[in-house]
Amino acid sequence: MTTKVIGLIQLNDPEAFEEYRSQVGNTVALYQGKITSRGSFNAFFWNELHCDSFSAFVELEFPDLERSQSWANSPEYQSLLAIRSKAMKLTLFSVSV
């Protein structure tokens, strides 16, 4: 079963974000994942969970949950956490499709 990883992004520092973005795709590919879409947030239609506002999103796809978890916990991705923290606040979650 394919696993999608969705990231909800609130940008803090556009320059740091570009640095992060230029490197993160390579870490995803190491775990047989790919970035399938990126975009800007437009509007909530319903927000009964009271999610904080965000400015952008990313969607990744992995062959399975195990590889997505391996990527998220990998040394390659962990090495980007400092720049990620400077660049944005991030909510990252997985769904099975």
C-alpha atoms as a PDB file:
ATOM      1  CA  MET A   1       0.000   0.000   0.000  1.00  0.00           C
ATOM      2  CA  THR A   2       1.416   3.382  -1.012  1.00  0.00           C
ATOM      3  CA  THR A   3       2.085   5.892   1.735  1.00  0.00           C
ATOM      4  CA  LYS A   4       1.733   9.622   1.231  1.00  0.00           C
ATOM      5  CA  VAL A   5       3.482  12.037   3.565  1.00  0.00           C
ATOM      6  CA  ILE A   6       1.850  15.453   3.797  1.00  0.00           C
ATOM      7  CA  GLY A   7       3.627  18.507   5.150  1.00  0.00           C
ATOM      8  CA  LEU A   8       1.797  21.657   6.215  1.00  0.00           C
ATOM      9  CA  ILE A   9       4.247  24.544   6.220  1.00  0.00           C
ATOM     10  CA  GLN A  10       4.247  27.948   7.889  1.00  0.00           C
ATOM     11  CA  LEU A  11       7.210  29.820   6.402  1.00  0.00           C
ATOM     12  CA  ASN A  12       9.480  31.806   8.703  1.00  0.00           C
ATOM     13  CA  ASP A  13      12.531  32.497   6.540  1.00  0.00           C
ATOM     14  CA  PRO A  14      12.264  32.268   2.721  1.00  0.00           C
ATOM     15  CA  GLU A  15      16.045  32.076   2.191  1.00  0.00           C
ATOM     16  CA  ALA A  16      16.428  29.224   4.677  1.00  0.00           C
ATOM     17  CA  PHE A  17      13.414  27.538   3.083  1.00  0.00           C
ATOM     18  CA  GLU A  18      15.077  27.593  -0.349  1.00  0.00           C
ATOM     19  CA  GLU A  19      18.232  26.086   1.163  1.00  0.00           C
ATOM     20  CA  TYR A  20      16.170  23.325   2.831  1.00  0.00           C
ATOM     21  CA  ARG A  21      14.107  22.742  -0.302  1.00  0.00           C
ATOM     22  CA  SER A  22      17.230  22.382  -2.451  1.00  0.00           C
ATOM     23  CA  GLN A  23      18.420  19.482  -0.271  1.00  0.00           C
ATOM     24  CA  VAL A  24      15.360  17.627   1.000  1.00  0.00           C
ATOM     25  CA  GLY A  25      14.453  15.953  -2.307  1.00  0.00           C
ATOM     26  CA  ASN A  26      17.720  14.023  -2.330  1.00  0.00           C
ATOM     27  CA  THR A  27      16.988  12.606   1.133  1.00  0.00           C
ATOM     28  CA  VAL A  28      13.500  11.531   0.013  1.00  0.00           C
ATOM     29  CA  ALA A  29      14.903   9.753  -3.061  1.00  0.00           C
ATOM     30  CA  LEU A  30      17.327   7.729  -0.934  1.00  0.00           C
ATOM     31  CA  TYR A  31      14.288   5.993   0.620  1.00  0.00           C
ATOM     32  CA  GLN A  32      12.510   5.384  -2.705  1.00  0.00           C
ATOM     33  CA  GLY A  33      10.255   8.379  -2.205  1.00  0.00           C
ATOM     34  CA  LYS A  34       9.369  11.257  -4.471  1.00  0.00           C
ATOM     35  CA  ILE A  35       7.896  14.721  -4.121  1.00  0.00           C
ATOM     36  CA  THR A  36       4.567  14.549  -5.953  1.00  0.00           C
ATOM     37  CA  SER A  37       3.232  18.069  -5.390  1.00  0.00           C
ATOM     38  CA  ARG A  38       3.936  21.404  -3.747  1.00  0.00           C
ATOM     39  CA  GLY A  39       1.749  24.435  -3.495  1.00  0.00           C
ATOM     40  CA  SER A  40       0.322  27.361  -1.598  1.00  0.00           C
ATOM     41  CA  PHE A  41      -2.564  27.259   0.847  1.00  0.00           C
ATOM     42  CA  ASN A  42      -5.669  29.109  -0.311  1.00  0.00           C
ATOM     43  CA  ALA A  43      -8.503  28.749   2.206  1.00  0.00           C
ATOM     44  CA  PHE A  44     -10.135  26.505   4.784  1.00  0.00           C
ATOM     45  CA  PHE A  45     -13.628  25.326   3.837  1.00  0.00           C
ATOM     46  CA  TRP A  46     -14.111  23.701   7.258  1.00  0.00           C
ATOM     47  CA  ASN A  47     -11.688  23.774  10.153  1.00  0.00           C
ATOM     48  CA  GLU A  48     -13.435  21.846  12.910  1.00  0.00           C
ATOM     49  CA  LEU A  49     -10.063  20.556  14.139  1.00  0.00           C
ATOM     50  CA  HIS A  50      -8.933  24.185  14.610  1.00  0.00           C
ATOM     51  CA  CYS A  51      -5.731  23.712  12.630  1.00  0.00           C
ATOM     52  CA  ASP A  52      -3.357  26.642  12.639  1.00  0.00           C
ATOM     53  CA  SER A  53      -3.083  28.511   9.390  1.00  0.00           C
ATOM     54  CA  PHE A  54      -0.261  27.506   7.062  1.00  0.00           C
ATOM     55  CA  SER A  55       1.168  29.036   3.915  1.00  0.00           C
ATOM     56  CA  ALA A  56       2.242  26.042   1.838  1.00  0.00           C
ATOM     57  CA  PHE A  57       2.104  22.279   1.598  1.00  0.00           C
ATOM     58  CA  VAL A  58       4.145  19.409   0.183  1.00  0.00           C
ATOM     59  CA  GLU A  59       3.096  15.879  -0.702  1.00  0.00           C
ATOM     60  CA  LEU A  60       5.589  13.014  -0.801  1.00  0.00           C
ATOM     61  CA  GLU A  61       4.977   9.434  -1.883  1.00  0.00           C
ATOM     62  CA  PHE A  62       6.743   6.303  -0.629  1.00  0.00           C
ATOM     63  CA  PRO A  63       6.184   2.650  -1.523  1.00  0.00           C
ATOM     64  CA  ASP A  64       5.167   1.865   2.073  1.00  0.00           C
ATOM     65  CA  LEU A  65       4.935   3.191   5.627  1.00  0.00           C
ATOM     66  CA  GLU A  66       8.235   1.630   6.661  1.00  0.00           C
ATOM     67  CA  ARG A  67      10.223   3.545   4.058  1.00  0.00           C
ATOM     68  CA  SER A  68       8.498   6.813   4.914  1.00  0.00           C
ATOM     69  CA  GLN A  69       9.332   6.309   8.592  1.00  0.00           C
ATOM     70  CA  SER A  70      12.911   5.331   7.732  1.00  0.00           C
ATOM     71  CA  TRP A  71      13.247   8.545   5.737  1.00  0.00           C
ATOM     72  CA  ALA A  72      11.787  10.750   8.501  1.00  0.00           C
ATOM     73  CA  ASN A  73      14.199   9.247  11.044  1.00  0.00           C
ATOM     74  CA  SER A  74      17.193   8.954   8.709  1.00  0.00           C
ATOM     75  CA  PRO A  75      20.527  10.609   9.439  1.00  0.00           C
ATOM     76  CA  GLU A  76      20.287  12.299   6.034  1.00  0.00           C
ATOM     77  CA  TYR A  77      16.991  13.982   6.877  1.00  0.00           C
ATOM     78  CA  GLN A  78      17.924  14.627  10.499  1.00  0.00           C
ATOM     79  CA  SER A  79      20.927  16.621   9.257  1.00  0.00           C
ATOM     80  CA  LEU A  80      18.435  19.135   7.750  1.00  0.00           C
ATOM     81  CA  LEU A  81      16.516  19.784  10.977  1.00  0.00           C
ATOM     82  CA  ALA A  82      18.499  22.880  11.986  1.00  0.00           C
ATOM     83  CA  ILE A  83      17.853  24.637   8.679  1.00  0.00           C
ATOM     84  CA  ARG A  84      14.263  23.355   8.641  1.00  0.00           C
ATOM     85  CA  SER A  85      13.641  24.877  12.065  1.00  0.00           C
ATOM     86  CA  LYS A  86      14.965  28.214  10.850  1.00  0.00           C
ATOM     87  CA  ALA A  87      12.942  28.032   7.626  1.00  0.00           C
ATOM     88  CA  MET A  88       9.526  26.963   8.888  1.00  0.00           C
ATOM     89  CA  LYS A  89       7.145  25.414  11.326  1.00  0.00           C
ATOM     90  CA  LEU A  90       6.090  22.033   9.956  1.00  0.00           C
ATOM     91  CA  THR A  91       3.342  19.526  10.585  1.00  0.00           C
ATOM     92  CA  LEU A  92       4.218  16.248   8.875  1.00  0.00           C
ATOM     93  CA  PHE A  93       1.922  13.219   8.768  1.00  0.00           C
ATOM     94  CA  SER A  94       1.395  10.068   6.739  1.00  0.00           C
ATOM     95  CA  VAL A  95      -1.673   8.537   5.137  1.00  0.00           C
ATOM     96  CA  SER A  96      -2.125   5.208   3.358  1.00  0.00           C
ATOM     97  CA  VAL A  97      -3.756   5.192  -0.064  1.00  0.00           C
END
